[in-house]
Amino acid sequence: DHTTVDGPYAKYVLGIMVVMAVFNFIDRQIFSILAEEIKADLGLSDSDLGFLFGTAFAVFYAVFGIPLGRLADSWKRTKQISLSLGFWSLMTALCGLVQNFVQLLLARIGVGVGEAGCVPASHSMVGDYFPKERRAFAIGILQASGSLGVILGLMAAGAIADQWGWRWAFVLVGLPGIAVGLVTYLT
C-alpha cells in the first residue's frame, strides 16, 4: 500500500531517495576532481573554473530551489523528483560534450536547476512516509547518502578520467541518473 506510513513501500521510497541523493552529490562534486583537465582542454582560467564550479551552480540552485520547493507543495513530488533527477543527470552527461566555456556554463546551470527540484520534494516525502518519531532518522539516512555520493563521485570520476578522460567521466557518471529517474517516475 503506497499510503502505509513506515511500511515496506516507505522504505523503498527512502531507498530511491538515497540513490537520488548519491547521484545528486556525485554530479555536483565531479567537477572538482576534473577541473585541471577541463581547464587545460578548454583553455579556461582559474576564474572561469571558480565561476563554473561555484557561482554558476550555486546561484541557480539557490534561486530555483524556492519556486521548485513551492511546486513540490502543489504538484506530484515523485514526478518532480524523477524529472529533476533525469534533467540534472542529462546536464551532467552533456558536460562531457561541451566545446567551450559558454556550453559548459549552460550545462552547469542545468545541473544546479535540476538538483534544486529534488531536495524540497524528497524531504516532504519523508514527512509523508515516516511518522514523526522516525522522521529524523529517515532524514539522517537521506543526508548521509550525500557524503557517500561525494566519496563515490570523486573515486569514480578519477578512475574514469584516468582511463578514458574527463569527458567520459561526465558522460558515464551522468547516464545512470537518467535511468534511476525513469525508474522513479514509473514506480
N, C-alpha and C. Protein backbone atom coordinates (compact mmCIF):
# COMPACT_ATOMS: atom_id res chain seq x y z
N ASP A 1 0.85 -1.19 0.00
CA ASP A 1 0.00 0.00 0.00
C ASP A 1 0.88 1.24 0.00
N HIS A 2 0.71 2.13 -0.96
CA HIS A 2 1.54 3.32 -1.10
C HIS A 2 1.35 4.32 0.03
N THR A 3 0.25 4.24 0.73
CA THR A 3 -0.01 5.22 1.77
C THR A 3 0.39 4.74 3.16
N THR A 4 0.86 3.50 3.28
CA THR A 4 1.25 2.98 4.58
C THR A 4 2.47 3.73 5.09
N VAL A 5 2.31 4.32 6.25
CA VAL A 5 3.42 5.06 6.85
C VAL A 5 4.40 4.06 7.43
N ASP A 6 5.67 4.22 7.09
CA ASP A 6 6.77 3.44 7.63
C ASP A 6 6.70 1.96 7.24
N GLY A 7 5.96 1.62 6.21
CA GLY A 7 5.88 0.24 5.75
C GLY A 7 6.93 -0.05 4.69
N PRO A 8 6.82 -1.21 4.03
CA PRO A 8 7.80 -1.59 3.01
C PRO A 8 7.92 -0.57 1.87
N TYR A 9 6.79 -0.02 1.43
CA TYR A 9 6.87 0.96 0.35
C TYR A 9 7.60 2.23 0.82
N ALA A 10 7.39 2.61 2.07
CA ALA A 10 8.10 3.77 2.61
C ALA A 10 9.61 3.53 2.59
N LYS A 11 10.02 2.34 2.92
CA LYS A 11 11.45 2.00 2.89
C LYS A 11 11.98 2.01 1.45
N TYR A 12 11.14 1.54 0.52
CA TYR A 12 11.51 1.59 -0.90
C TYR A 12 11.68 3.05 -1.35
N VAL A 13 10.73 3.89 -0.98
CA VAL A 13 10.80 5.31 -1.34
C VAL A 13 12.07 5.93 -0.77
N LEU A 14 12.37 5.63 0.49
CA LEU A 14 13.60 6.16 1.09
C LEU A 14 14.82 5.62 0.35
N GLY A 15 14.80 4.36 -0.03
CA GLY A 15 15.92 3.78 -0.79
C GLY A 15 16.14 4.50 -2.11
N ILE A 16 15.05 4.77 -2.83
CA ILE A 16 15.16 5.51 -4.10
C ILE A 16 15.71 6.91 -3.84
N MET A 17 15.24 7.55 -2.78
CA MET A 17 15.72 8.90 -2.46
C MET A 17 17.19 8.89 -2.05
N VAL A 18 17.63 7.82 -1.41
CA VAL A 18 19.05 7.70 -1.07
C VAL A 18 19.88 7.61 -2.36
N VAL A 19 19.44 6.77 -3.30
CA VAL A 19 20.15 6.68 -4.58
C VAL A 19 20.16 8.04 -5.28
N MET A 20 19.02 8.72 -5.24
CA MET A 20 18.93 10.05 -5.83
C MET A 20 19.92 11.02 -5.18
N ALA A 21 20.00 10.98 -3.86
CA ALA A 21 20.92 11.88 -3.15
C ALA A 21 22.37 11.55 -3.47
N VAL A 22 22.68 10.27 -3.62
CA VAL A 22 24.04 9.88 -4.01
C VAL A 22 24.36 10.48 -5.37
N PHE A 23 23.46 10.32 -6.34
CA PHE A 23 23.68 10.91 -7.66
C PHE A 23 23.75 12.43 -7.59
N ASN A 24 22.96 13.02 -6.73
CA ASN A 24 22.97 14.47 -6.55
C ASN A 24 24.38 14.95 -6.22
N PHE A 25 25.00 14.31 -5.26
CA PHE A 25 26.32 14.76 -4.85
C PHE A 25 27.43 14.28 -5.78
N ILE A 26 27.24 13.15 -6.43
CA ILE A 26 28.22 12.73 -7.44
C ILE A 26 28.27 13.79 -8.54
N ASP A 27 27.10 14.14 -9.06
CA ASP A 27 27.03 15.06 -10.18
C ASP A 27 27.44 16.48 -9.78
N ARG A 28 27.25 16.82 -8.53
CA ARG A 28 27.62 18.14 -8.05
C ARG A 28 29.15 18.25 -7.86
N GLN A 29 29.77 17.19 -7.37
CA GLN A 29 31.18 17.25 -7.00
C GLN A 29 32.16 16.77 -8.06
N ILE A 30 31.69 16.09 -9.07
CA ILE A 30 32.57 15.54 -10.09
C ILE A 30 33.47 16.61 -10.72
N PHE A 31 32.93 17.80 -10.83
CA PHE A 31 33.68 18.90 -11.45
C PHE A 31 35.00 19.16 -10.74
N SER A 32 35.00 19.04 -9.41
CA SER A 32 36.20 19.39 -8.64
C SER A 32 37.40 18.53 -8.99
N ILE A 33 37.21 17.25 -9.19
CA ILE A 33 38.35 16.38 -9.47
C ILE A 33 38.79 16.46 -10.93
N LEU A 34 37.91 16.95 -11.79
CA LEU A 34 38.23 17.04 -13.22
C LEU A 34 38.65 18.44 -13.66
N ALA A 35 38.67 19.37 -12.74
CA ALA A 35 38.87 20.79 -13.07
C ALA A 35 40.15 21.06 -13.85
N GLU A 36 41.25 20.47 -13.46
CA GLU A 36 42.51 20.76 -14.15
C GLU A 36 42.51 20.27 -15.58
N GLU A 37 41.94 19.09 -15.81
CA GLU A 37 41.84 18.58 -17.18
C GLU A 37 40.91 19.44 -18.03
N ILE A 38 39.80 19.86 -17.44
CA ILE A 38 38.84 20.72 -18.15
C ILE A 38 39.52 22.05 -18.49
N LYS A 39 40.21 22.60 -17.52
CA LYS A 39 40.90 23.88 -17.70
C LYS A 39 41.87 23.80 -18.88
N ALA A 40 42.67 22.75 -18.91
CA ALA A 40 43.67 22.61 -19.97
C ALA A 40 43.00 22.38 -21.34
N ASP A 41 41.99 21.52 -21.37
CA ASP A 41 41.36 21.17 -22.63
C ASP A 41 40.59 22.33 -23.25
N LEU A 42 39.87 23.08 -22.42
CA LEU A 42 39.04 24.17 -22.94
C LEU A 42 39.74 25.53 -22.87
N GLY A 43 40.96 25.58 -22.35
CA GLY A 43 41.69 26.84 -22.26
C GLY A 43 41.06 27.82 -21.28
N LEU A 44 40.61 27.32 -20.14
CA LEU A 44 39.93 28.16 -19.16
C LEU A 44 40.91 28.72 -18.13
N SER A 45 40.53 29.79 -17.49
CA SER A 45 41.32 30.38 -16.41
C SER A 45 40.84 29.84 -15.07
N ASP A 46 41.60 30.13 -14.02
CA ASP A 46 41.16 29.75 -12.68
C ASP A 46 39.85 30.46 -12.32
N SER A 47 39.70 31.70 -12.76
CA SER A 47 38.45 32.44 -12.52
C SER A 47 37.28 31.76 -13.20
N ASP A 48 37.50 31.31 -14.44
CA ASP A 48 36.44 30.58 -15.16
C ASP A 48 36.02 29.34 -14.37
N LEU A 49 37.03 28.58 -13.89
CA LEU A 49 36.73 27.36 -13.13
C LEU A 49 35.96 27.67 -11.86
N GLY A 50 36.39 28.70 -11.15
CA GLY A 50 35.70 29.09 -9.93
C GLY A 50 34.26 29.47 -10.19
N PHE A 51 34.04 30.19 -11.27
CA PHE A 51 32.68 30.58 -11.63
C PHE A 51 31.84 29.37 -11.99
N LEU A 52 32.40 28.46 -12.77
CA LEU A 52 31.67 27.26 -13.20
C LEU A 52 31.36 26.33 -12.03
N PHE A 53 32.34 26.13 -11.17
CA PHE A 53 32.18 25.19 -10.06
C PHE A 53 31.32 25.77 -8.95
N GLY A 54 31.47 27.05 -8.69
CA GLY A 54 30.76 27.67 -7.58
C GLY A 54 29.55 28.46 -8.00
N THR A 55 29.78 29.64 -8.51
CA THR A 55 28.72 30.61 -8.76
C THR A 55 27.65 30.09 -9.72
N ALA A 56 28.05 29.58 -10.88
CA ALA A 56 27.07 29.14 -11.89
C ALA A 56 26.14 28.08 -11.33
N PHE A 57 26.70 27.16 -10.56
CA PHE A 57 25.88 26.12 -9.97
C PHE A 57 25.06 26.68 -8.80
N ALA A 58 25.73 27.30 -7.86
CA ALA A 58 25.09 27.69 -6.58
C ALA A 58 23.98 28.73 -6.74
N VAL A 59 24.20 29.72 -7.57
CA VAL A 59 23.18 30.76 -7.74
C VAL A 59 21.89 30.15 -8.29
N PHE A 60 22.00 29.35 -9.32
CA PHE A 60 20.81 28.77 -9.92
C PHE A 60 20.18 27.70 -9.01
N TYR A 61 21.00 26.97 -8.28
CA TYR A 61 20.49 26.00 -7.31
C TYR A 61 19.67 26.73 -6.24
N ALA A 62 20.20 27.82 -5.72
CA ALA A 62 19.51 28.57 -4.67
C ALA A 62 18.25 29.26 -5.20
N VAL A 63 18.38 29.94 -6.32
CA VAL A 63 17.25 30.69 -6.86
C VAL A 63 16.10 29.75 -7.26
N PHE A 64 16.41 28.66 -7.93
CA PHE A 64 15.36 27.75 -8.38
C PHE A 64 14.84 26.85 -7.26
N GLY A 65 15.59 26.72 -6.16
CA GLY A 65 15.13 25.92 -5.03
C GLY A 65 13.84 26.45 -4.43
N ILE A 66 13.64 27.75 -4.47
CA ILE A 66 12.44 28.34 -3.87
C ILE A 66 11.19 28.03 -4.69
N PRO A 67 11.15 28.36 -5.98
CA PRO A 67 9.93 28.02 -6.72
C PRO A 67 9.73 26.51 -6.88
N LEU A 68 10.81 25.75 -6.98
CA LEU A 68 10.66 24.30 -7.10
C LEU A 68 10.21 23.69 -5.77
N GLY A 69 10.59 24.29 -4.67
CA GLY A 69 10.06 23.87 -3.37
C GLY A 69 8.57 24.14 -3.28
N ARG A 70 8.17 25.29 -3.77
CA ARG A 70 6.74 25.63 -3.80
C ARG A 70 5.97 24.67 -4.72
N LEU A 71 6.58 24.35 -5.87
CA LEU A 71 5.96 23.40 -6.79
C LEU A 71 5.76 22.04 -6.12
N ALA A 72 6.71 21.62 -5.29
CA ALA A 72 6.59 20.34 -4.59
C ALA A 72 5.38 20.31 -3.67
N ASP A 73 4.93 21.48 -3.21
CA ASP A 73 3.74 21.56 -2.37
C ASP A 73 2.44 21.38 -3.15
N SER A 74 2.50 21.62 -4.45
CA SER A 74 1.25 21.62 -5.22
C SER A 74 1.23 20.61 -6.37
N TRP A 75 2.32 19.95 -6.64
CA TRP A 75 2.41 19.02 -7.78
C TRP A 75 2.80 17.65 -7.26
N LYS A 76 2.76 16.66 -8.07
CA LYS A 76 3.15 15.31 -7.67
C LYS A 76 4.67 15.25 -7.48
N ARG A 77 5.07 15.06 -6.25
CA ARG A 77 6.51 15.12 -5.91
C ARG A 77 7.32 14.02 -6.58
N THR A 78 6.75 12.84 -6.77
CA THR A 78 7.52 11.79 -7.44
C THR A 78 7.85 12.18 -8.87
N LYS A 79 6.93 12.86 -9.54
CA LYS A 79 7.22 13.34 -10.90
C LYS A 79 8.30 14.41 -10.85
N GLN A 80 8.19 15.32 -9.89
CA GLN A 80 9.19 16.38 -9.78
C GLN A 80 10.58 15.80 -9.51
N ILE A 81 10.65 14.84 -8.60
CA ILE A 81 11.93 14.23 -8.27
C ILE A 81 12.50 13.50 -9.48
N SER A 82 11.68 12.69 -10.15
CA SER A 82 12.19 11.91 -11.27
C SER A 82 12.60 12.80 -12.44
N LEU A 83 11.80 13.82 -12.73
CA LEU A 83 12.16 14.74 -13.82
C LEU A 83 13.40 15.55 -13.47
N SER A 84 13.50 15.98 -12.23
CA SER A 84 14.69 16.72 -11.80
C SER A 84 15.94 15.87 -11.91
N LEU A 85 15.86 14.63 -11.41
CA LEU A 85 16.99 13.71 -11.47
C LEU A 85 17.40 13.44 -12.92
N GLY A 86 16.43 13.17 -13.76
CA GLY A 86 16.73 12.93 -15.17
C GLY A 86 17.36 14.14 -15.83
N PHE A 87 16.83 15.33 -15.51
CA PHE A 87 17.35 16.55 -16.12
C PHE A 87 18.78 16.85 -15.68
N TRP A 88 19.05 16.82 -14.36
CA TRP A 88 20.41 17.15 -13.94
C TRP A 88 21.40 16.08 -14.38
N SER A 89 20.95 14.82 -14.47
CA SER A 89 21.85 13.76 -14.94
C SER A 89 22.17 13.96 -16.42
N LEU A 90 21.17 14.34 -17.21
CA LEU A 90 21.41 14.66 -18.62
C LEU A 90 22.38 15.83 -18.75
N MET A 91 22.19 16.86 -17.94
CA MET A 91 23.08 18.02 -17.97
C MET A 91 24.51 17.63 -17.57
N THR A 92 24.64 16.71 -16.61
CA THR A 92 25.96 16.22 -16.23
C THR A 92 26.61 15.51 -17.40
N ALA A 93 25.87 14.62 -18.05
CA ALA A 93 26.40 13.91 -19.21
C ALA A 93 26.78 14.89 -20.32
N LEU A 94 25.96 15.92 -20.52
CA LEU A 94 26.26 16.92 -21.56
C LEU A 94 27.54 17.71 -21.26
N CYS A 95 27.91 17.81 -19.99
CA CYS A 95 29.18 18.48 -19.65
C CYS A 95 30.34 17.81 -20.39
N GLY A 96 30.24 16.52 -20.62
CA GLY A 96 31.30 15.81 -21.34
C GLY A 96 31.33 16.08 -22.83
N LEU A 97 30.32 16.75 -23.35
CA LEU A 97 30.26 17.01 -24.79
C LEU A 97 30.55 18.46 -25.16
N VAL A 98 30.76 19.30 -24.16
CA VAL A 98 30.93 20.72 -24.42
C VAL A 98 32.24 21.01 -25.17
N GLN A 99 32.24 22.16 -25.86
CA GLN A 99 33.42 22.57 -26.61
C GLN A 99 33.98 23.92 -26.16
N ASN A 100 33.26 24.59 -25.25
CA ASN A 100 33.73 25.91 -24.82
C ASN A 100 33.11 26.29 -23.47
N PHE A 101 33.55 27.43 -22.96
CA PHE A 101 33.11 27.92 -21.65
C PHE A 101 31.59 28.09 -21.59
N VAL A 102 30.99 28.72 -22.59
CA VAL A 102 29.56 29.01 -22.56
C VAL A 102 28.74 27.72 -22.51
N GLN A 103 29.11 26.74 -23.29
CA GLN A 103 28.40 25.46 -23.27
C GLN A 103 28.52 24.79 -21.90
N LEU A 104 29.72 24.83 -21.33
CA LEU A 104 29.90 24.24 -20.01
C LEU A 104 29.13 25.03 -18.95
N LEU A 105 29.09 26.33 -19.09
CA LEU A 105 28.31 27.18 -18.18
C LEU A 105 26.83 26.78 -18.22
N LEU A 106 26.29 26.65 -19.40
CA LEU A 106 24.87 26.28 -19.54
C LEU A 106 24.59 24.89 -18.96
N ALA A 107 25.50 23.96 -19.17
CA ALA A 107 25.31 22.62 -18.62
C ALA A 107 25.38 22.65 -17.09
N ARG A 108 26.32 23.41 -16.53
CA ARG A 108 26.42 23.52 -15.06
C ARG A 108 25.20 24.21 -14.46
N ILE A 109 24.68 25.20 -15.14
CA ILE A 109 23.44 25.85 -14.69
C ILE A 109 22.31 24.81 -14.69
N GLY A 110 22.25 24.00 -15.74
CA GLY A 110 21.25 22.94 -15.81
C GLY A 110 21.36 21.95 -14.66
N VAL A 111 22.59 21.60 -14.28
CA VAL A 111 22.78 20.71 -13.14
C VAL A 111 22.22 21.36 -11.88
N GLY A 112 22.52 22.64 -11.68
CA GLY A 112 22.02 23.36 -10.50
C GLY A 112 20.51 23.45 -10.45
N VAL A 113 19.91 23.77 -11.58
CA VAL A 113 18.44 23.87 -11.64
C VAL A 113 17.81 22.51 -11.38
N GLY A 114 18.33 21.48 -12.01
CA GLY A 114 17.77 20.14 -11.82
C GLY A 114 17.88 19.68 -10.38
N GLU A 115 19.03 19.87 -9.77
CA GLU A 115 19.21 19.43 -8.39
C GLU A 115 18.33 20.21 -7.43
N ALA A 116 18.03 21.45 -7.75
CA ALA A 116 17.18 22.27 -6.88
C ALA A 116 15.78 21.70 -6.73
N GLY A 117 15.32 20.92 -7.68
CA GLY A 117 13.98 20.36 -7.62
C GLY A 117 13.83 19.13 -6.76
N CYS A 118 14.94 18.53 -6.36
CA CYS A 118 14.84 17.26 -5.62
C CYS A 118 14.79 17.40 -4.11
N VAL A 119 15.61 18.23 -3.55
CA VAL A 119 15.74 18.27 -2.09
C VAL A 119 14.42 18.64 -1.40
N PRO A 120 13.74 19.72 -1.79
CA PRO A 120 12.48 20.03 -1.10
C PRO A 120 11.44 18.91 -1.23
N ALA A 121 11.32 18.36 -2.42
CA ALA A 121 10.33 17.30 -2.64
C ALA A 121 10.67 16.04 -1.85
N SER A 122 11.95 15.69 -1.80
CA SER A 122 12.33 14.46 -1.08
C SER A 122 12.12 14.60 0.42
N HIS A 123 12.44 15.76 0.97
CA HIS A 123 12.22 15.96 2.40
C HIS A 123 10.72 15.95 2.72
N SER A 124 9.93 16.50 1.86
CA SER A 124 8.49 16.49 2.05
C SER A 124 7.95 15.06 2.01
N MET A 125 8.46 14.26 1.10
CA MET A 125 8.01 12.87 1.02
C MET A 125 8.38 12.08 2.26
N VAL A 126 9.55 12.34 2.82
CA VAL A 126 9.92 11.67 4.07
C VAL A 126 8.88 11.98 5.14
N GLY A 127 8.41 13.22 5.16
CA GLY A 127 7.38 13.60 6.12
C GLY A 127 6.08 12.83 5.93
N ASP A 128 5.79 12.45 4.70
CA ASP A 128 4.57 11.69 4.42
C ASP A 128 4.70 10.21 4.76
N TYR A 129 5.87 9.64 4.55
CA TYR A 129 6.03 8.20 4.66
C TYR A 129 6.57 7.72 6.00
N PHE A 130 7.05 8.63 6.84
CA PHE A 130 7.60 8.22 8.12
C PHE A 130 6.93 9.00 9.25
N PRO A 131 6.56 8.31 10.32
CA PRO A 131 5.95 9.01 11.45
C PRO A 131 6.97 9.93 12.10
N LYS A 132 6.48 10.92 12.83
CA LYS A 132 7.39 11.94 13.36
C LYS A 132 8.47 11.34 14.26
N GLU A 133 8.20 10.24 14.93
CA GLU A 133 9.24 9.64 15.79
C GLU A 133 10.33 8.92 15.00
N ARG A 134 10.14 8.72 13.70
CA ARG A 134 11.18 8.10 12.85
C ARG A 134 11.64 9.02 11.72
N ARG A 135 11.06 10.17 11.65
CA ARG A 135 11.35 11.10 10.56
C ARG A 135 12.80 11.60 10.59
N ALA A 136 13.29 11.95 11.75
CA ALA A 136 14.67 12.44 11.85
C ALA A 136 15.66 11.37 11.43
N PHE A 137 15.39 10.13 11.79
CA PHE A 137 16.25 9.02 11.37
C PHE A 137 16.25 8.88 9.85
N ALA A 138 15.07 8.94 9.24
CA ALA A 138 14.97 8.83 7.78
C ALA A 138 15.69 9.99 7.09
N ILE A 139 15.51 11.21 7.61
CA ILE A 139 16.21 12.38 7.05
C ILE A 139 17.72 12.21 7.24
N GLY A 140 18.13 11.66 8.39
CA GLY A 140 19.56 11.41 8.64
C GLY A 140 20.15 10.47 7.61
N ILE A 141 19.42 9.41 7.29
CA ILE A 141 19.89 8.48 6.26
C ILE A 141 20.00 9.20 4.92
N LEU A 142 18.99 9.98 4.60
CA LEU A 142 18.99 10.73 3.35
C LEU A 142 20.18 11.70 3.29
N GLN A 143 20.43 12.41 4.35
CA GLN A 143 21.54 13.37 4.39
C GLN A 143 22.89 12.66 4.32
N ALA A 144 23.04 11.54 5.01
CA ALA A 144 24.31 10.80 4.99
C ALA A 144 24.64 10.29 3.60
N SER A 145 23.62 10.00 2.83
CA SER A 145 23.86 9.49 1.48
C SER A 145 24.55 10.52 0.59
N GLY A 146 24.40 11.79 0.90
CA GLY A 146 25.12 12.82 0.16
C GLY A 146 26.63 12.67 0.32
N SER A 147 27.07 12.38 1.54
CA SER A 147 28.51 12.16 1.77
C SER A 147 29.00 10.94 1.01
N LEU A 148 28.18 9.92 0.96
CA LEU A 148 28.53 8.74 0.17
C LEU A 148 28.67 9.12 -1.30
N GLY A 149 27.80 9.98 -1.77
CA GLY A 149 27.88 10.45 -3.16
C GLY A 149 29.16 11.20 -3.45
N VAL A 150 29.61 12.02 -2.50
CA VAL A 150 30.87 12.74 -2.68
C VAL A 150 32.02 11.74 -2.83
N ILE A 151 32.07 10.76 -1.93
CA ILE A 151 33.13 9.76 -1.96
C ILE A 151 33.10 8.98 -3.26
N LEU A 152 31.94 8.46 -3.60
CA LEU A 152 31.82 7.65 -4.82
C LEU A 152 32.08 8.48 -6.07
N GLY A 153 31.59 9.71 -6.08
CA GLY A 153 31.77 10.57 -7.25
C GLY A 153 33.23 10.89 -7.51
N LEU A 154 33.95 11.22 -6.47
CA LEU A 154 35.35 11.55 -6.65
C LEU A 154 36.15 10.32 -7.08
N MET A 155 35.85 9.18 -6.47
CA MET A 155 36.55 7.94 -6.85
C MET A 155 36.22 7.55 -8.28
N ALA A 156 34.94 7.54 -8.62
CA ALA A 156 34.53 7.11 -9.96
C ALA A 156 35.05 8.06 -11.02
N ALA A 157 34.89 9.36 -10.79
CA ALA A 157 35.34 10.34 -11.79
C ALA A 157 36.84 10.24 -12.00
N GLY A 158 37.57 10.10 -10.92
CA GLY A 158 39.03 9.97 -11.05
C GLY A 158 39.42 8.73 -11.82
N ALA A 159 38.81 7.61 -11.50
CA ALA A 159 39.13 6.35 -12.18
C ALA A 159 38.75 6.40 -13.66
N ILE A 160 37.58 6.93 -13.95
CA ILE A 160 37.13 7.01 -15.35
C ILE A 160 38.02 7.98 -16.13
N ALA A 161 38.31 9.13 -15.52
CA ALA A 161 39.15 10.12 -16.20
C ALA A 161 40.55 9.57 -16.46
N ASP A 162 41.09 8.82 -15.51
CA ASP A 162 42.41 8.21 -15.72
C ASP A 162 42.41 7.26 -16.90
N GLN A 163 41.32 6.54 -17.07
CA GLN A 163 41.22 5.55 -18.13
C GLN A 163 40.81 6.14 -19.48
N TRP A 164 39.78 7.04 -19.47
CA TRP A 164 39.20 7.49 -20.73
C TRP A 164 39.11 9.01 -20.89
N GLY A 165 39.51 9.77 -19.89
CA GLY A 165 39.48 11.22 -20.00
C GLY A 165 38.29 11.85 -19.28
N TRP A 166 38.39 13.17 -19.08
CA TRP A 166 37.38 13.88 -18.30
C TRP A 166 36.01 13.87 -18.94
N ARG A 167 35.96 13.89 -20.27
CA ARG A 167 34.67 13.93 -20.95
C ARG A 167 33.85 12.66 -20.67
N TRP A 168 34.51 11.52 -20.75
CA TRP A 168 33.82 10.25 -20.48
C TRP A 168 33.40 10.16 -19.02
N ALA A 169 34.16 10.78 -18.14
CA ALA A 169 33.78 10.76 -16.72
C ALA A 169 32.41 11.42 -16.55
N PHE A 170 32.20 12.57 -17.16
CA PHE A 170 30.89 13.22 -17.07
C PHE A 170 29.79 12.36 -17.70
N VAL A 171 30.05 11.83 -18.87
CA VAL A 171 29.04 11.05 -19.56
C VAL A 171 28.67 9.80 -18.77
N LEU A 172 29.68 9.06 -18.31
CA LEU A 172 29.41 7.79 -17.62
C LEU A 172 28.86 7.98 -16.22
N VAL A 173 29.11 9.11 -15.61
CA VAL A 173 28.52 9.41 -14.30
C VAL A 173 27.11 9.94 -14.47
N GLY A 174 26.84 10.65 -15.54
CA GLY A 174 25.51 11.23 -15.75
C GLY A 174 24.46 10.25 -16.22
N LEU A 175 24.81 9.36 -17.11
CA LEU A 175 23.82 8.46 -17.72
C LEU A 175 23.04 7.58 -16.73
N PRO A 176 23.67 6.98 -15.71
CA PRO A 176 22.89 6.16 -14.78
C PRO A 176 21.78 6.93 -14.06
N GLY A 177 21.99 8.20 -13.81
CA GLY A 177 20.95 9.01 -13.16
C GLY A 177 19.70 9.14 -14.00
N ILE A 178 19.86 9.13 -15.31
CA ILE A 178 18.69 9.18 -16.20
C ILE A 178 17.87 7.91 -16.02
N ALA A 179 18.55 6.76 -15.92
CA ALA A 179 17.85 5.50 -15.71
C ALA A 179 17.16 5.47 -14.35
N VAL A 180 17.81 5.96 -13.31
CA VAL A 180 17.19 6.00 -11.98
C VAL A 180 15.99 6.94 -12.00
N GLY A 181 16.08 8.05 -12.72
CA GLY A 181 14.95 8.95 -12.86
C GLY A 181 13.76 8.28 -13.51
N LEU A 182 14.02 7.46 -14.51
CA LEU A 182 12.95 6.72 -15.19
C LEU A 182 12.31 5.71 -14.25
N VAL A 183 13.13 4.97 -13.51
CA VAL A 183 12.60 4.00 -12.53
C VAL A 183 11.76 4.72 -11.49
N THR A 184 12.23 5.87 -11.02
CA THR A 184 11.50 6.65 -10.03
C THR A 184 10.16 7.10 -10.60
N TYR A 185 10.16 7.55 -11.81
CA TYR A 185 8.91 8.00 -12.45
C TYR A 185 7.91 6.87 -12.57
N LEU A 186 8.39 5.69 -12.94
CA LEU A 186 7.49 4.56 -13.18
C LEU A 186 7.03 3.85 -11.91
N THR A 187 7.76 4.02 -10.82
CA THR A 187 7.40 3.27 -9.60
C THR A 187 7.00 4.19 -8.48
